[in-house]
Amino acid sequence: MLFENLNIIEPIQRALKTEGYTKATPIQVKAIPPLLEGMDLLGCAQTGTGKTAAFAIPILQGLSSEQKNLKGRQVPERQRLLPYQFYRVFHLNKKT
């Protein structure tokens, strides 16, 4: 499934496309819609399957000034390296 089919706001869609991400992984397809609705979620998938982005995209959307209906924040609790992963996903993985 494409990210554009997941009800993600335009600025995040644009950032994903700029970084070369167009197709969502299975964990992202299953996690993003309920998280965008403010539901709780426990996700389990192998390393490298996109779990961090599956949780980060709804968090970023919830923090966006374009998002009027702010709901609870989702935090994947069992990821010991979460801050580092966020940094790598949203800073270091930029294409040059």
Protein backbone atom coordinates (compact mmCIF):
# COMPACT_ATOMS: atom_id res chain seq x y z
CA MET A 1 0.00 0.00 0.00
CA LEU A 2 1.19 3.52 -0.72
CA PHE A 3 1.63 6.07 2.07
CA GLU A 4 -0.72 8.38 0.17
CA ASN A 5 -3.56 5.94 0.92
CA LEU A 6 -3.05 6.10 4.71
CA ASN A 7 -4.71 9.44 5.55
CA ILE A 8 -1.39 11.12 6.31
CA ILE A 9 -1.33 14.91 6.06
CA GLU A 10 0.31 16.53 3.05
CA PRO A 11 3.49 17.89 4.72
CA ILE A 12 4.37 14.42 6.00
CA GLN A 13 3.46 12.87 2.64
CA ARG A 14 5.79 15.35 0.94
CA ALA A 15 8.62 14.58 3.39
CA LEU A 16 8.20 10.84 2.85
CA LYS A 17 8.31 11.28 -0.94
CA THR A 18 11.34 13.58 -0.69
CA GLU A 19 13.19 10.89 1.26
CA GLY A 20 12.19 8.24 -1.28
CA TYR A 21 9.52 6.46 0.76
CA THR A 22 6.34 5.73 -1.19
CA LYS A 23 5.29 2.22 -0.22
CA ALA A 24 4.36 1.39 3.39
CA THR A 25 5.55 -1.85 4.96
CA PRO A 26 3.02 -4.33 6.42
CA ILE A 27 3.54 -3.07 10.01
CA GLN A 28 3.01 0.51 8.82
CA VAL A 29 -0.16 -0.40 6.92
CA LYS A 30 -1.59 -2.09 10.02
CA ALA A 31 -0.37 0.42 12.63
CA ILE A 32 -0.75 3.89 11.12
CA PRO A 33 -4.57 4.00 10.64
CA PRO A 34 -5.52 3.02 14.22
CA LEU A 35 -2.79 5.25 15.68
CA LEU A 36 -4.07 8.20 13.63
CA GLU A 37 -7.49 7.54 15.21
CA GLY A 38 -5.94 7.78 18.68
CA MET A 39 -6.16 4.08 19.46
CA ASP A 40 -3.60 2.23 21.56
CA LEU A 41 -1.47 -0.25 19.72
CA LEU A 42 1.12 -2.88 20.50
CA GLY A 43 3.09 -3.81 17.40
CA CYS A 44 5.58 -6.59 16.87
CA ALA A 45 7.73 -6.99 13.77
CA GLN A 46 11.29 -7.87 12.84
CA THR A 47 14.11 -5.35 12.90
CA GLY A 48 14.19 -3.17 9.80
CA THR A 49 10.50 -3.44 8.95
CA GLY A 50 9.54 0.17 9.68
CA LYS A 51 8.20 0.05 13.25
CA THR A 52 9.78 3.36 14.22
CA ALA A 53 8.18 5.18 11.29
CA ALA A 54 4.88 3.39 11.96
CA PHE A 55 4.76 5.09 15.36
CA ALA A 56 6.59 8.32 14.45
CA ILE A 57 4.33 9.32 11.55
CA PRO A 58 1.16 9.46 13.68
CA ILE A 59 3.06 11.25 16.46
CA LEU A 60 4.31 13.88 14.01
CA GLN A 61 0.84 14.24 12.55
CA GLY A 62 -0.63 14.70 16.01
CA LEU A 63 1.94 17.38 16.78
CA SER A 64 1.32 19.19 13.50
CA SER A 65 -0.44 22.53 13.66
CA GLU A 66 -2.56 21.31 10.74
CA GLN A 67 -3.99 18.53 12.88
CA LYS A 68 -6.93 19.98 14.84
CA ASN A 69 -8.09 16.82 16.60
CA LEU A 70 -5.14 16.05 18.86
CA LYS A 71 -5.44 12.76 20.68
CA GLY A 72 -3.14 10.79 22.97
CA ARG A 73 0.48 10.28 21.98
CA GLN A 74 1.65 6.83 21.02
CA VAL A 75 4.99 5.62 22.33
CA PRO A 76 6.49 2.22 21.52
CA GLU A 77 7.60 1.40 25.06
CA ARG A 78 9.78 -1.63 24.45
CA GLN A 79 12.26 -0.05 22.09
CA ARG A 80 15.36 0.68 24.14
CA LEU A 81 16.96 2.73 21.39
CA LEU A 82 13.90 4.75 20.44
CA PRO A 83 15.44 8.25 20.69
CA TYR A 84 18.44 7.12 18.64
CA GLN A 85 16.16 5.47 16.06
CA PHE A 86 14.08 8.63 15.71
CA TYR A 87 17.26 10.62 15.19
CA ARG A 88 18.53 8.23 12.52
CA VAL A 89 15.20 7.97 10.73
CA PHE A 90 14.50 11.68 10.63
CA HIS A 91 18.01 13.13 10.43
CA LEU A 92 20.81 10.79 9.42
CA ASN A 93 18.93 8.89 6.72
CA LYS A 94 18.61 11.96 4.54
CA LYS A 95 19.78 11.38 1.00
CA THR A 96 22.55 13.69 -0.15
